[in-house]
PDB file of N, CA and C in Angstrom:
ATOM      1  N   MET A   1     129.558 110.887  91.441  1.00  0.00           N
ATOM      2  CA  MET A   1     129.899 109.738  92.095  1.00  0.00           C
ATOM      3  C   MET A   1     130.771 110.066  93.279  1.00  0.00           C
ATOM      4  N   PRO A   2     130.366 109.659  94.509  1.00  0.00           N
ATOM      5  CA  PRO A   2     131.191 109.989  95.636  1.00  0.00           C
ATOM      6  C   PRO A   2     132.541 109.366  95.671  1.00  0.00           C
ATOM      7  N   LYS A   3     133.541 110.027  96.128  1.00  0.00           N
ATOM      8  CA  LYS A   3     134.903 109.540  96.135  1.00  0.00           C
ATOM      9  C   LYS A   3     135.011 108.385  97.162  1.00  0.00           C
ATOM     10  N   LYS A   4     135.695 107.313  96.802  1.00  0.00           N
ATOM     11  CA  LYS A   4     136.007 106.203  97.683  1.00  0.00           C
ATOM     12  C   LYS A   4     137.180 106.615  98.596  1.00  0.00           C
ATOM     13  N   TRP A   5     137.146 106.350  99.880  1.00  0.00           N
ATOM     14  CA  TRP A   5     138.313 106.559 100.750  1.00  0.00           C
ATOM     15  C   TRP A   5     138.957 105.271 101.156  1.00  0.00           C
ATOM     16  N   ASN A   6     140.123 105.275 101.272  1.00  0.00           N
ATOM     17  CA  ASN A   6     140.965 104.166 101.802  1.00  0.00           C
ATOM     18  C   ASN A   6     142.107 104.587 102.563  1.00  0.00           C
ATOM     19  N   PHE A   7     142.206 104.086 103.750  1.00  0.00           N
ATOM     20  CA  PHE A   7     143.403 104.546 104.590  1.00  0.00           C
ATOM     21  C   PHE A   7     144.617 103.558 104.536  1.00  0.00           C
ATOM     22  N   LEU A   8     144.436 102.502 103.785  1.00  0.00           N
ATOM     23  CA  LEU A   8     145.579 101.586 103.541  1.00  0.00           C
ATOM     24  C   LEU A   8     146.099 101.887 102.219  1.00  0.00           C
ATOM     25  N   SER A   9     147.456 101.752 102.054  1.00  0.00           N
ATOM     26  CA  SER A   9     148.019 101.838 100.734  1.00  0.00           C
ATOM     27  C   SER A   9     147.670 100.641  99.823  1.00  0.00           C
ATOM     28  N   ASN A  10     147.889 100.726  98.595  1.00  0.00           N
ATOM     29  CA  ASN A  10     147.681  99.580  97.651  1.00  0.00           C
ATOM     30  C   ASN A  10     148.393  98.323  98.132  1.00  0.00           C
ATOM     31  N   TYR A  11     149.683  98.577  98.699  1.00  0.00           N
ATOM     32  CA  TYR A  11     150.438  97.428  99.164  1.00  0.00           C
ATOM     33  C   TYR A  11     149.762  96.842 100.354  1.00  0.00           C
ATOM     34  N   GLY A  12     149.216  97.602 101.276  1.00  0.00           N
ATOM     35  CA  GLY A  12     148.531  97.058 102.415  1.00  0.00           C
ATOM     36  C   GLY A  12     147.298  96.277 102.004  1.00  0.00           C
ATOM     37  N   LEU A  13     146.620  96.752 101.059  1.00  0.00           N
ATOM     38  CA  LEU A  13     145.383  96.080 100.570  1.00  0.00           C
ATOM     39  C   LEU A  13     145.779  94.661 100.012  1.00  0.00           C
ATOM     40  N   VAL A  14     146.774  94.666  99.178  1.00  0.00           N
ATOM     41  CA  VAL A  14     147.209  93.461  98.589  1.00  0.00           C
ATOM     42  C   VAL A  14     147.719  92.401  99.633  1.00  0.00           C
ATOM     43  N   LEU A  15     148.579  92.913 100.600  1.00  0.00           N
ATOM     44  CA  LEU A  15     149.180  92.107 101.595  1.00  0.00           C
ATOM     45  C   LEU A  15     147.987  91.498 102.468  1.00  0.00           C
ATOM     46  N   THR A  16     147.095  92.334 102.859  1.00  0.00           N
ATOM     47  CA  THR A  16     146.071  91.808 103.640  1.00  0.00           C
ATOM     48  C   THR A  16     145.249  90.798 102.941  1.00  0.00           C
ATOM     49  N   HIS A  17     144.976  90.987 101.593  1.00  0.00           N
ATOM     50  CA  HIS A  17     144.174  90.017 100.870  1.00  0.00           C
ATOM     51  C   HIS A  17     145.006  88.678 100.791  1.00  0.00           C
ATOM     52  N   LEU A  18     146.303  88.688 100.596  1.00  0.00           N
ATOM     53  CA  LEU A  18     147.170  87.572 100.493  1.00  0.00           C
ATOM     54  C   LEU A  18     147.193  86.823 101.944  1.00  0.00           C
ATOM     55  N   PHE A  19     147.161  87.565 102.975  1.00  0.00           N
ATOM     56  CA  PHE A  19     147.194  87.022 104.283  1.00  0.00           C
ATOM     57  C   PHE A  19     145.864  86.182 104.532  1.00  0.00           C
ATOM     58  N   GLN A  20     144.736  86.701 103.988  1.00  0.00           N
ATOM     59  CA  GLN A  20     143.550  86.067 104.185  1.00  0.00           C
ATOM     60  C   GLN A  20     143.233  84.920 103.104  1.00  0.00           C
ATOM     61  N   ASN A  21     143.965  84.929 101.936  1.00  0.00           N
ATOM     62  CA  ASN A  21     143.673  83.964 100.929  1.00  0.00           C
ATOM     63  C   ASN A  21     144.967  83.815 100.154  1.00  0.00           C
ATOM     64  N   SER A  22     145.730  82.825 100.582  1.00  0.00           N
ATOM     65  CA  SER A  22     147.080  82.660 100.029  1.00  0.00           C
ATOM     66  C   SER A  22     147.099  82.086  98.581  1.00  0.00           C
ATOM     67  N   GLU A  23     145.925  81.575  98.194  1.00  0.00           N
ATOM     68  CA  GLU A  23     145.864  80.876  96.887  1.00  0.00           C
ATOM     69  C   GLU A  23     145.090  81.871  95.850  1.00  0.00           C
ATOM     70  N   ALA A  24     144.838  83.073  96.254  1.00  0.00           N
ATOM     71  CA  ALA A  24     144.182  83.995  95.346  1.00  0.00           C
ATOM     72  C   ALA A  24     145.015  84.315  93.997  1.00  0.00           C
ATOM     73  N   THR A  25     144.318  84.438  92.953  1.00  0.00           N
ATOM     74  CA  THR A  25     145.014  84.727  91.732  1.00  0.00           C
ATOM     75  C   THR A  25     145.065  86.333  91.643  1.00  0.00           C
ATOM     76  N   LEU A  26     146.025  86.806  90.721  1.00  0.00           N
ATOM     77  CA  LEU A  26     146.105  88.190  90.625  1.00  0.00           C
ATOM     78  C   LEU A  26     144.860  88.838  90.224  1.00  0.00           C
ATOM     79  N   ARG A  27     144.092  88.213  89.425  1.00  0.00           N
ATOM     80  CA  ARG A  27     142.826  88.715  88.950  1.00  0.00           C
ATOM     81  C   ARG A  27     141.854  88.855  90.197  1.00  0.00           C
ATOM     82  N   GLU A  28     141.792  87.808  91.052  1.00  0.00           N
ATOM     83  CA  GLU A  28     140.914  87.848  92.214  1.00  0.00           C
ATOM     84  C   GLU A  28     141.346  89.032  93.183  1.00  0.00           C
ATOM     85  N   ILE A  29     142.621  89.203  93.332  1.00  0.00           N
ATOM     86  CA  ILE A  29     143.173  90.231  94.162  1.00  0.00           C
ATOM     87  C   ILE A  29     142.762  91.644  93.611  1.00  0.00           C
ATOM     88  N   ALA A  30     142.968  91.729  92.320  1.00  0.00           N
ATOM     89  CA  ALA A  30     142.624  92.959  91.628  1.00  0.00           C
ATOM     90  C   ALA A  30     141.114  93.317  91.794  1.00  0.00           C
ATOM     91  N   HIS A  31     140.316  92.335  91.653  1.00  0.00           N
ATOM     92  CA  HIS A  31     138.849  92.519  91.677  1.00  0.00           C
ATOM     93  C   HIS A  31     138.427  93.040  93.115  1.00  0.00           C
ATOM     94  N   SER A  32     139.027  92.361  94.112  1.00  0.00           N
ATOM     95  CA  SER A  32     138.624  92.652  95.504  1.00  0.00           C
ATOM     96  C   SER A  32     139.309  93.933  95.969  1.00  0.00           C
ATOM     97  N   THR A  33     140.267  94.456  95.336  1.00  0.00           N
ATOM     98  CA  THR A  33     140.973  95.717  95.850  1.00  0.00           C
ATOM     99  C   THR A  33     140.638  96.898  94.936  1.00  0.00           C
ATOM    100  N   ASP A  34     139.938  96.637  93.826  1.00  0.00           N
ATOM    101  CA  ASP A  34     139.685  97.768  92.835  1.00  0.00           C
ATOM    102  C   ASP A  34     141.096  98.239  92.224  1.00  0.00           C
ATOM    103  N   LEU A  35     141.957  97.410  92.045  1.00  0.00           N
ATOM    104  CA  LEU A  35     143.188  97.704  91.429  1.00  0.00           C
ATOM    105  C   LEU A  35     143.254  96.969  90.041  1.00  0.00           C
ATOM    106  N   THR A  36     144.093  97.422  89.159  1.00  0.00           N
ATOM    107  CA  THR A  36     144.334  96.669  87.903  1.00  0.00           C
ATOM    108  C   THR A  36     145.117  95.528  88.118  1.00  0.00           C
ATOM    109  N   GLU A  37     145.037  94.497  87.366  1.00  0.00           N
ATOM    110  CA  GLU A  37     145.822  93.268  87.362  1.00  0.00           C
ATOM    111  C   GLU A  37     147.320  93.699  87.306  1.00  0.00           C
ATOM    112  N   ARG A  38     147.652  94.573  86.395  1.00  0.00           N
ATOM    113  CA  ARG A  38     149.054  94.998  86.212  1.00  0.00           C
ATOM    114  C   ARG A  38     149.621  95.546  87.586  1.00  0.00           C
ATOM    115  N   ALA A  39     148.804  96.377  88.243  1.00  0.00           N
ATOM    116  CA  ALA A  39     149.277  97.048  89.460  1.00  0.00           C
ATOM    117  C   ALA A  39     149.410  95.983  90.534  1.00  0.00           C
ATOM    118  N   VAL A  40     148.509  95.083  90.616  1.00  0.00           N
ATOM    119  CA  VAL A  40     148.628  93.956  91.543  1.00  0.00           C
ATOM    120  C   VAL A  40     149.955  93.096  91.324  1.00  0.00           C
ATOM    121  N   TYR A  41     150.104  92.829  89.978  1.00  0.00           N
ATOM    122  CA  TYR A  41     151.349  92.050  89.657  1.00  0.00           C
ATOM    123  C   TYR A  41     152.643  92.768  90.204  1.00  0.00           C
ATOM    124  N   GLN A  42     152.672  94.044  89.896  1.00  0.00           N
ATOM    125  CA  GLN A  42     153.914  94.790  90.358  1.00  0.00           C
ATOM    126  C   GLN A  42     153.967  94.937  91.852  1.00  0.00           C
ATOM    127  N   ILE A  43     152.869  95.026  92.551  1.00  0.00           N
ATOM    128  CA  ILE A  43     152.882  95.074  93.939  1.00  0.00           C
ATOM    129  C   ILE A  43     153.367  93.799  94.583  1.00  0.00           C
ATOM    130  N   VAL A  44     152.806  92.662  94.045  1.00  0.00           N
ATOM    131  CA  VAL A  44     153.191  91.306  94.483  1.00  0.00           C
ATOM    132  C   VAL A  44     154.610  91.026  94.240  1.00  0.00           C
ATOM    133  N   ARG A  45     155.207  91.517  93.089  1.00  0.00           N
ATOM    134  CA  ARG A  45     156.520  91.382  92.708  1.00  0.00           C
ATOM    135  C   ARG A  45     157.409  92.089  93.745  1.00  0.00           C
ATOM    136  N   GLU A  46     157.034  93.315  94.077  1.00  0.00           N
ATOM    137  CA  GLU A  46     157.837  94.086  94.996  1.00  0.00           C
ATOM    138  C   GLU A  46     157.768  93.602  96.412  1.00  0.00           C
ATOM    139  N   LEU A  47     156.578  93.113  96.812  1.00  0.00           N
ATOM    140  CA  LEU A  47     156.413  92.524  98.167  1.00  0.00           C
ATOM    141  C   LEU A  47     157.339  91.186  98.265  1.00  0.00           C
ATOM    142  N   GLU A  48     157.496  90.475  97.146  1.00  0.00           N
ATOM    143  CA  GLU A  48     158.257  89.330  97.185  1.00  0.00           C
ATOM    144  C   GLU A  48     159.726  89.695  97.196  1.00  0.00           C
ATOM    145  N   VAL A  49     160.158  90.622  96.412  1.00  0.00           N
ATOM    146  CA  VAL A  49     161.611  91.047  96.377  1.00  0.00           C
ATOM    147  C   VAL A  49     162.021  91.531  97.756  1.00  0.00           C
ATOM    148  N   ASN A  50     161.129  92.306  98.445  1.00  0.00           N
ATOM    149  CA  ASN A  50     161.481  92.855  99.694  1.00  0.00           C
ATOM    150  C   ASN A  50     161.164  91.947 100.871  1.00  0.00           C
ATOM    151  N   GLY A  51     160.872  90.654 100.658  1.00  0.00           N
ATOM    152  CA  GLY A  51     160.813  89.763 101.757  1.00  0.00           C
ATOM    153  C   GLY A  51     159.578  89.706 102.543  1.00  0.00           C
ATOM    154  N   PHE A  52     158.498  90.373 102.069  1.00  0.00           N
ATOM    155  CA  PHE A  52     157.235  90.396 102.772  1.00  0.00           C
ATOM    156  C   PHE A  52     156.366  89.227 102.435  1.00  0.00           C
ATOM    157  N   ILE A  53     156.564  88.673 101.287  1.00  0.00           N
ATOM    158  CA  ILE A  53     155.858  87.421 100.891  1.00  0.00           C
ATOM    159  C   ILE A  53     156.801  86.442 100.127  1.00  0.00           C
ATOM    160  N   GLY A  54     156.432  85.189 100.097  1.00  0.00           N
ATOM    161  CA  GLY A  54     157.145  84.187  99.403  1.00  0.00           C
ATOM    162  C   GLY A  54     156.101  83.688  98.369  1.00  0.00           C
ATOM    163  N   LYS A  55     156.561  83.201  97.177  1.00  0.00           N
ATOM    164  CA  LYS A  55     155.731  82.693  96.144  1.00  0.00           C
ATOM    165  C   LYS A  55     156.162  81.356  95.760  1.00  0.00           C
ATOM    166  N   ARG A  56     155.200  80.418  95.588  1.00  0.00           N
ATOM    167  CA  ARG A  56     155.592  78.998  95.196  1.00  0.00           C
ATOM    168  C   ARG A  56     154.560  78.639  94.122  1.00  0.00           C
ATOM    169  N   ARG A  57     155.049  77.983  93.105  1.00  0.00           N
ATOM    170  CA  ARG A  57     154.321  77.488  91.930  1.00  0.00           C
ATOM    171  C   ARG A  57     153.741  76.168  92.426  1.00  0.00           C
ATOM    172  N   VAL A  58     152.363  76.000  92.206  1.00  0.00           N
ATOM    173  CA  VAL A  58     151.705  74.785  92.476  1.00  0.00           C
ATOM    174  C   VAL A  58     150.760  74.462  91.231  1.00  0.00           C
ATOM    175  N   GLY A  59     151.236  73.581  90.376  1.00  0.00           N
ATOM    176  CA  GLY A  59     150.602  73.324  89.124  1.00  0.00           C
ATOM    177  C   GLY A  59     150.688  74.574  88.293  1.00  0.00           C
ATOM    178  N   ARG A  60     149.581  75.095  87.868  1.00  0.00           N
ATOM    179  CA  ARG A  60     149.551  76.285  87.022  1.00  0.00           C
ATOM    180  C   ARG A  60     149.233  77.551  87.753  1.00  0.00           C
ATOM    181  N   ARG A  61     149.204  77.413  89.081  1.00  0.00           N
ATOM    182  CA  ARG A  61     148.901  78.557  89.949  1.00  0.00           C
ATOM    183  C   ARG A  61     150.079  78.897  90.883  1.00  0.00           C
ATOM    184  N   ASN A  62     150.057  80.131  91.425  1.00  0.00           N
ATOM    185  CA  ASN A  62     151.016  80.478  92.523  1.00  0.00           C
ATOM    186  C   ASN A  62     150.223  80.491  93.815  1.00  0.00           C
ATOM    187  N   THR A  63     151.008  80.012  94.824  1.00  0.00           N
ATOM    188  CA  THR A  63     150.451  80.273  96.256  1.00  0.00           C
ATOM    189  C   THR A  63     151.415  81.184  96.914  1.00  0.00           C
ATOM    190  N   TYR A  64     150.951  81.834  97.864  1.00  0.00           N
ATOM    191  CA  TYR A  64     151.795  82.859  98.543  1.00  0.00           C
ATOM    192  C   TYR A  64     151.814  82.552 100.044  1.00  0.00           C
ATOM    193  N   THR A  65     152.923  82.913 100.668  1.00  0.00           N
ATOM    194  CA  THR A  65     153.052  82.890 102.155  1.00  0.00           C
ATOM    195  C   THR A  65     153.502  84.247 102.520  1.00  0.00           C
ATOM    196  N   VAL A  66     152.774  84.726 103.590  1.00  0.00           N
ATOM    197  CA  VAL A  66     153.189  86.055 104.061  1.00  0.00           C
ATOM    198  C   VAL A  66     154.182  85.913 105.195  1.00  0.00           C
ATOM    199  N   ASN A  67     155.198  86.694 105.159  1.00  0.00           N
ATOM    200  CA  ASN A  67     156.268  86.694 106.135  1.00  0.00           C
ATOM    201  C   ASN A  67     155.658  87.456 107.343  1.00  0.00           C
ATOM    202  N   GLU A  68     154.950  86.772 108.249  1.00  0.00           N
ATOM    203  CA  GLU A  68     154.272  87.436 109.244  1.00  0.00           C
ATOM    204  C   GLU A  68     155.067  88.226 110.242  1.00  0.00           C
ATOM    205  N   GLY A  69     156.404  87.868 110.359  1.00  0.00           N
ATOM    206  CA  GLY A  69     157.278  88.504 111.271  1.00  0.00           C
ATOM    207  C   GLY A  69     157.994  89.786 110.706  1.00  0.00           C
ATOM    208  N   ALA A  70     157.712  90.004 109.436  1.00  0.00           N
ATOM    209  CA  ALA A  70     158.310  91.169 108.810  1.00  0.00           C
ATOM    210  C   ALA A  70     157.805  92.505 109.470  1.00  0.00           C
ATOM    211  N   LEU A  71     158.770  93.233 109.785  1.00  0.00           N
ATOM    212  CA  LEU A  71     158.346  94.580 110.488  1.00  0.00           C
ATOM    213  C   LEU A  71     157.912  95.620 109.428  1.00  0.00           C
ATOM    214  N   LEU A  72     156.956  96.339 109.662  1.00  0.00           N
ATOM    215  CA  LEU A  72     156.536  97.465 108.797  1.00  0.00           C
ATOM    216  C   LEU A  72     157.616  98.525 108.996  1.00  0.00           C
ATOM    217  N   SER A  73     158.001  99.265 107.863  1.00  0.00           N
ATOM    218  CA  SER A  73     159.262 100.062 107.847  1.00  0.00           C
ATOM    219  C   SER A  73     159.144 101.536 108.303  1.00  0.00           C
ATOM    220  N   PHE A  74     157.942 102.024 108.415  1.00  0.00           N
ATOM    221  CA  PHE A  74     157.763 103.435 108.819  1.00  0.00           C
ATOM    222  C   PHE A  74     157.918 103.519 110.343  1.00  0.00           C
ATOM    223  N   PRO A  75     158.634 104.575 110.828  1.00  0.00           N
ATOM    224  CA  PRO A  75     158.850 104.731 112.216  1.00  0.00           C
ATOM    225  C   PRO A  75     157.648 104.780 113.063  1.00  0.00           C
ATOM    226  N   VAL A  76     156.538 105.288 112.451  1.00  0.00           N
ATOM    227  CA  VAL A  76     155.230 105.391 113.222  1.00  0.00           C
ATOM    228  C   VAL A  76     154.779 104.080 113.672  1.00  0.00           C
ATOM    229  N   TYR A  77     155.125 102.918 112.964  1.00  0.00           N
ATOM    230  CA  TYR A  77     154.677 101.609 113.299  1.00  0.00           C
ATOM    231  C   TYR A  77     155.467 101.077 114.399  1.00  0.00           C
ATOM    232  N   ARG A  78     156.580 101.618 114.666  1.00  0.00           N
ATOM    233  CA  ARG A  78     157.546 101.140 115.737  1.00  0.00           C
ATOM    234  C   ARG A  78     157.950  99.672 115.313  1.00  0.00           C
ATOM    235  N   ASN A  79     157.608  98.675 116.356  1.00  0.00           N
ATOM    236  CA  ASN A  79     157.865  97.263 116.054  1.00  0.00           C
ATOM    237  C   ASN A  79     156.620  96.451 115.591  1.00  0.00           C
ATOM    238  N   LEU A  80     155.736  97.099 114.888  1.00  0.00           N
ATOM    239  CA  LEU A  80     154.565  96.339 114.550  1.00  0.00           C
ATOM    240  C   LEU A  80     154.933  95.484 113.256  1.00  0.00           C
ATOM    241  N   ASN A  81     154.550  94.227 113.366  1.00  0.00           N
ATOM    242  CA  ASN A  81     154.753  93.305 112.291  1.00  0.00           C
ATOM    243  C   ASN A  81     153.524  93.056 111.468  1.00  0.00           C
ATOM    244  N   ILE A  82     153.660  92.376 110.332  1.00  0.00           N
ATOM    245  CA  ILE A  82     152.497  92.207 109.457  1.00  0.00           C
ATOM    246  C   ILE A  82     151.371  91.369 110.099  1.00  0.00           C
ATOM    247  N   ALA A  83     151.700  90.362 110.839  1.00  0.00           N
ATOM    248  CA  ALA A  83     150.670  89.523 111.471  1.00  0.00           C
ATOM    249  C   ALA A  83     149.842  90.358 112.447  1.00  0.00           C
ATOM    250  N   GLN A  84     150.491  91.239 113.189  1.00  0.00           N
ATOM    251  CA  GLN A  84     149.785  92.117 114.123  1.00  0.00           C
ATOM    252  C   GLN A  84     148.805  93.106 113.480  1.00  0.00           C
ATOM    253  N   MET A  85     149.341  93.622 112.335  1.00  0.00           N
ATOM    254  CA  MET A  85     148.482  94.498 111.619  1.00  0.00           C
ATOM    255  C   MET A  85     147.287  93.808 110.930  1.00  0.00           C
ATOM    256  N   VAL A  86     147.435  92.748 110.285  1.00  0.00           N
ATOM    257  CA  VAL A  86     146.359  92.007 109.663  1.00  0.00           C
ATOM    258  C   VAL A  86     145.453  91.544 110.709  1.00  0.00           C
ATOM    259  N   LYS A  87     145.891  91.006 111.841  1.00  0.00           N
ATOM    260  CA  LYS A  87     144.973  90.536 112.898  1.00  0.00           C
ATOM    261  C   LYS A  87     144.119  91.671 113.407  1.00  0.00           C
ATOM    262  N   ALA A  88     144.720  92.835 113.590  1.00  0.00           N
ATOM    263  CA  ALA A  88     143.939  93.962 114.085  1.00  0.00           C
ATOM    264  C   ALA A  88     142.853  94.389 113.079  1.00  0.00           C
ATOM    265  N   LEU A  89     143.269  94.446 111.803  1.00  0.00           N
ATOM    266  CA  LEU A  89     142.290  94.818 110.782  1.00  0.00           C
ATOM    267  C   LEU A  89     141.122  93.757 110.691  1.00  0.00           C
ATOM    268  N   ARG A  90     141.559  92.463 110.861  1.00  0.00           N
ATOM    269  CA  ARG A  90     140.427  91.465 110.814  1.00  0.00           C
ATOM    270  C   ARG A  90     139.574  91.599 111.933  1.00  0.00           C
ATOM    271  N   LEU A  91     140.041  91.875 113.144  1.00  0.00           N
ATOM    272  CA  LEU A  91     139.181  92.118 114.371  1.00  0.00           C
ATOM    273  C   LEU A  91     138.196  93.288 114.103  1.00  0.00           C
ATOM    274  N   ILE A  92     138.709  94.332 113.588  1.00  0.00           N
ATOM    275  CA  ILE A  92     137.909  95.468 113.340  1.00  0.00           C
ATOM    276  C   ILE A  92     136.841  95.148 112.287  1.00  0.00           C
ATOM    277  N   MET A  93     137.184  94.452 111.195  1.00  0.00           N
ATOM    278  CA  MET A  93     136.255  94.071 110.196  1.00  0.00           C
ATOM    279  C   MET A  93     135.207  93.159 110.687  1.00  0.00           C
ATOM    280  N   ASP A  94     135.620  92.148 111.562  1.00  0.00           N
ATOM    281  CA  ASP A  94     134.657  91.267 112.249  1.00  0.00           C
ATOM    282  C   ASP A  94     133.669  91.930 113.168  1.00  0.00           C
ATOM    283  N   GLU A  95     134.173  92.923 113.850  1.00  0.00           N
ATOM    284  CA  GLU A  95     133.263  93.664 114.776  1.00  0.00           C
ATOM    285  C   GLU A  95     132.296  94.638 114.047  1.00  0.00           C
ATOM    286  N   SER A  96     132.774  95.102 112.966  1.00  0.00           N
ATOM    287  CA  SER A  96     131.836  95.912 112.158  1.00  0.00           C
ATOM    288  C   SER A  96     130.770  95.063 111.449  1.00  0.00           C
ATOM    289  N   ARG A  97     131.050  93.905 111.138  1.00  0.00           N
ATOM    290  CA  ARG A  97     129.999  93.014 110.525  1.00  0.00           C
ATOM    291  C   ARG A  97     128.943  92.552 111.527  1.00  0.00           C
ATOM    292  N   THR A  98     129.441  92.389 112.807  1.00  0.00           N
ATOM    293  CA  THR A  98     128.396  91.852 113.818  1.00  0.00           C
ATOM    294  C   THR A  98     127.688  93.014 114.478  1.00  0.00           C
ATOM    295  N   SER A  99     128.157  94.192 114.433  1.00  0.00           N
ATOM    296  CA  SER A  99     127.454  95.254 115.091  1.00  0.00           C
ATOM    297  C   SER A  99     126.220  95.660 114.400  1.00  0.00           C
ATOM    298  N   VAL A 100     125.234  95.981 115.164  1.00  0.00           N
ATOM    299  CA  VAL A 100     123.885  96.346 114.639  1.00  0.00           C
ATOM    300  C   VAL A 100     123.830  97.845 114.637  1.00  0.00           C
ATOM    301  N   PRO A 101     123.478  98.504 113.439  1.00  0.00           N
ATOM    302  CA  PRO A 101     123.423  99.892 113.375  1.00  0.00           C
ATOM    303  C   PRO A 101     122.268 100.366 114.219  1.00  0.00           C
ATOM    304  N   ALA A 102     122.407 101.550 114.876  1.00  0.00           N
ATOM    305  CA  ALA A 102     121.441 102.079 115.870  1.00  0.00           C
ATOM    306  C   ALA A 102     120.339 102.692 115.104  1.00  0.00           C
TER     307      ALA A 102
END
């Protein structure tokens, strides 16, 4: 089986998913990112503790808000915030869907 490559960390995958679907369940996030539910739970918890996302209980479910202004912490990102990162990724994904292979 060929190895899957991913250039985003698991945190980046979960954060991107929450940015696109704030009402996703942990199971849905796990399914779309190929992570375990336990790993997603821990990542979501750490993202919340560190101020990247907020969590609110609505009935029996949680909804999430992404702190779009939060700056990414590695120096290579300089002053890049979450919203800029996710918008750039979305643009790349949209372009790849609409491009016709040669």
